[in-house]
């Protein structure tokens, strides 16, 4: 029992350390998590409500589900949803809603549930959080995400599919 508890504590510490980045510090105006009054949210219902994009399924399924229904691209726009690919670290993928475009390589997003399992931040909403495009071609296919508990970017590079834009395609309207 003691060994398992020690292993669990070590695993939790490693998860937190995996999100640590450099010692750059907090950019001006970056808030942490909303208080939320104890409300637990996952990224899918949050993104659906915040963007108006009416898709169902796990986050990783949104990219294919949007084909033919919503415009998709590799360019961020305010209100668009950034779709994170399914990975061992993100088995259901992840969704984040673009709150603003800062530069060609930086956006700010609002998203829910960006925290390791079991942490006090799990299920909370983080608003206006920086996301960096670190892809070699500048196409937003690989990003690093701000992590409020450490007040820095995480070291993990996350693969993404791109952005779903909250404009219903004309072909989808005819169906």
Protein backbone atom coordinates (compact mmCIF):
# COMPACT_ATOMS: atom_id res chain seq x y z
CA UNK A 1 0.00 0.00 0.00
CA UNK A 2 2.77 2.39 0.97
CA UNK A 3 4.71 1.64 -2.21
CA UNK A 4 1.62 2.33 -4.34
CA UNK A 5 0.97 5.60 -2.53
CA UNK A 6 4.59 6.64 -3.06
CA UNK A 7 4.38 5.66 -6.76
CA UNK A 8 1.14 7.64 -7.16
CA UNK A 9 2.73 10.70 -5.54
CA UNK A 10 5.78 10.37 -7.80
CA UNK A 11 3.56 10.01 -10.89
CA UNK A 12 1.58 13.13 -9.90
CA UNK A 13 4.80 15.08 -9.36
CA UNK A 14 6.13 13.97 -12.76
CA UNK A 15 2.90 15.04 -14.47
CA UNK A 16 3.19 18.48 -12.91
CA UNK A 17 6.85 18.72 -13.84
CA UNK A 18 6.07 17.69 -17.42
CA UNK A 19 4.02 20.86 -17.71
CA UNK A 20 6.83 23.06 -16.42
CA UNK A 21 8.62 25.30 -18.85
CA UNK A 22 11.33 27.91 -18.73
CA UNK A 23 11.57 30.68 -16.15
CA UNK A 24 10.10 33.33 -18.47
CA UNK A 25 7.43 34.34 -15.98
CA UNK A 26 3.86 35.43 -16.64
CA UNK A 27 3.24 37.68 -19.66
CA UNK A 28 1.31 40.81 -18.75
CA UNK A 29 -2.42 40.33 -18.50
CA UNK A 30 -2.50 36.52 -18.37
CA UNK A 31 -5.14 35.43 -15.87
CA UNK A 32 -5.18 32.03 -14.23
CA UNK A 33 -8.21 29.82 -13.76
CA UNK A 34 -11.71 31.18 -13.14
CA UNK A 35 -13.01 30.58 -9.67
CA UNK A 36 -15.96 28.78 -11.25
CA UNK A 37 -17.72 28.17 -7.96
CA UNK A 38 -16.63 24.52 -7.98
CA UNK A 39 -18.26 23.85 -11.36
CA UNK A 40 -16.47 21.06 -13.25
CA UNK A 41 -16.38 21.40 -17.05
CA UNK A 42 -14.80 19.39 -19.80
CA UNK A 43 -13.47 21.11 -22.89
CA UNK A 44 -16.19 19.81 -25.27
CA UNK A 45 -19.31 21.41 -23.74
CA UNK A 46 -17.30 24.53 -22.95
CA UNK A 47 -16.10 24.89 -26.57
CA UNK A 48 -19.57 24.15 -27.93
CA UNK A 49 -21.18 26.82 -25.72
CA UNK A 50 -18.42 29.41 -26.22
CA UNK A 51 -18.07 29.02 -30.02
CA UNK A 52 -21.57 28.06 -31.09
CA UNK A 53 -20.14 25.13 -33.07
CA UNK A 54 -22.67 22.33 -32.74
CA UNK A 55 -20.62 19.14 -32.93
CA UNK A 56 -20.73 16.07 -30.69
CA UNK A 57 -18.23 13.43 -29.63
CA UNK A 58 -14.84 13.54 -27.99
CA UNK A 59 -12.58 16.48 -28.76
CA UNK A 60 -10.36 14.48 -31.13
CA UNK A 61 -13.46 13.60 -33.23
CA UNK A 62 -14.41 17.21 -33.92
CA UNK A 63 -11.98 17.74 -36.80
CA UNK A 64 -13.48 15.00 -38.98
CA UNK A 65 -17.02 15.77 -37.79
CA UNK A 66 -16.64 19.39 -38.98
CA UNK A 67 -15.73 18.38 -42.55
CA UNK A 68 -18.39 19.68 -44.92
CA UNK A 69 -20.29 21.40 -42.10
CA UNK A 70 -17.90 24.10 -40.91
CA UNK A 71 -14.92 25.85 -42.46
CA UNK A 72 -11.59 24.44 -41.26
CA UNK A 73 -8.11 25.84 -41.72
CA UNK A 74 -4.63 26.23 -40.30
CA UNK A 75 -5.20 29.93 -39.55
CA UNK A 76 -6.63 31.14 -36.23
CA UNK A 77 -9.54 33.58 -35.99
CA UNK A 78 -11.29 34.84 -32.86
CA UNK A 79 -14.13 32.46 -32.00
CA UNK A 80 -12.57 29.51 -33.82
CA UNK A 81 -11.89 26.21 -32.06
CA UNK A 82 -8.35 24.80 -32.03
CA UNK A 83 -8.60 20.99 -32.18
CA UNK A 84 -5.82 19.08 -30.41
CA UNK A 85 -5.01 15.62 -31.72
CA UNK A 86 -5.47 12.48 -29.68
CA UNK A 87 -2.20 11.49 -27.98
CA UNK A 88 -1.17 9.36 -24.97
CA UNK A 89 -1.21 12.58 -22.89
CA UNK A 90 -4.58 13.65 -24.39
CA UNK A 91 -6.48 10.42 -25.03
CA UNK A 92 -9.70 12.33 -25.80
CA UNK A 93 -7.90 15.21 -27.52
CA UNK A 94 -8.65 18.77 -26.41
CA UNK A 95 -10.52 21.85 -27.64
CA UNK A 96 -9.69 25.50 -27.03
CA UNK A 97 -11.58 28.56 -28.27
CA UNK A 98 -9.50 31.40 -29.74
CA UNK A 99 -10.16 34.60 -27.79
CA UNK A 100 -7.72 36.71 -29.82
CA UNK A 101 -4.85 36.54 -32.27
CA UNK A 102 -1.74 38.18 -30.83
CA UNK A 103 0.66 37.51 -33.72
CA UNK A 104 1.30 35.02 -36.52
CA UNK A 105 2.69 32.61 -33.90
CA UNK A 106 0.71 33.44 -30.75
CA UNK A 107 -2.96 33.29 -29.88
CA UNK A 108 -4.92 33.50 -26.68
CA UNK A 109 -7.53 30.88 -25.89
CA UNK A 110 -10.29 30.13 -23.43
CA UNK A 111 -10.53 26.47 -22.50
CA UNK A 112 -11.75 24.13 -19.79
CA UNK A 113 -10.13 21.19 -18.06
CA UNK A 114 -6.49 21.88 -18.99
CA UNK A 115 -4.99 20.17 -15.98
CA UNK A 116 -3.58 16.77 -15.01
CA UNK A 117 -6.00 14.26 -13.51
CA UNK A 118 -6.61 14.67 -9.81
CA UNK A 119 -5.28 18.22 -9.64
CA UNK A 120 -7.28 21.01 -8.00
CA UNK A 121 -7.41 22.77 -11.39
CA UNK A 122 -9.09 19.85 -13.20
CA UNK A 123 -12.38 20.89 -14.80
CA UNK A 124 -11.78 24.62 -14.35
CA UNK A 125 -11.91 27.26 -17.07
CA UNK A 126 -8.77 29.17 -18.04
CA UNK A 127 -9.39 32.39 -19.98
CA UNK A 128 -7.16 34.32 -22.38
CA UNK A 129 -4.32 31.80 -22.07
CA UNK A 130 -1.33 32.03 -24.46
CA UNK A 131 -0.72 29.31 -27.04
CA UNK A 132 2.42 29.33 -29.20
CA UNK A 133 2.72 27.88 -32.69
CA UNK A 134 5.99 25.92 -32.63
CA UNK A 135 5.45 24.07 -35.90
CA UNK A 136 8.37 24.23 -38.36
CA UNK A 137 6.15 25.66 -41.15
CA UNK A 138 4.12 28.05 -39.02
CA UNK A 139 0.91 26.13 -39.76
CA UNK A 140 -0.27 25.62 -36.16
CA UNK A 141 0.17 21.84 -36.40
CA UNK A 142 2.28 21.84 -33.19
CA UNK A 143 1.75 24.08 -30.17
CA UNK A 144 2.89 24.76 -26.64
CA UNK A 145 0.23 25.80 -24.14
CA UNK A 146 0.32 28.11 -21.14
CA UNK A 147 -0.17 26.29 -17.85
CA UNK A 148 -1.49 28.59 -15.06
CA UNK A 149 -0.34 26.53 -12.05
CA UNK A 150 3.32 27.00 -13.07
CA UNK A 151 2.75 30.43 -14.69
CA UNK A 152 4.66 29.42 -17.81
CA UNK A 153 4.41 27.41 -21.03
CA UNK A 154 4.54 23.67 -20.67
CA UNK A 155 7.44 21.85 -22.31
CA UNK A 156 5.18 19.42 -24.11
CA UNK A 157 4.57 20.08 -27.79
CA UNK A 158 1.01 19.09 -28.67
CA UNK A 159 -0.02 18.12 -32.22
CA UNK A 160 -3.16 19.83 -33.52
CA UNK A 161 -5.45 19.35 -36.51
CA UNK A 162 -6.19 23.05 -37.02
CA UNK A 163 -9.04 25.47 -36.46
CA UNK A 164 -12.77 24.97 -36.93
CA UNK A 165 -14.48 28.27 -37.73
CA UNK A 166 -18.00 28.93 -36.43
CA UNK A 167 -19.46 29.55 -39.89
CA UNK A 168 -21.75 26.84 -41.21
CA UNK A 169 -20.86 25.86 -44.76
CA UNK A 170 -23.51 26.52 -47.41
CA UNK A 171 -23.51 22.88 -48.53
CA UNK A 172 -24.43 21.80 -45.00
CA UNK A 173 -27.41 24.18 -45.04
CA UNK A 174 -28.85 22.50 -48.15
CA UNK A 175 -28.95 19.03 -46.57
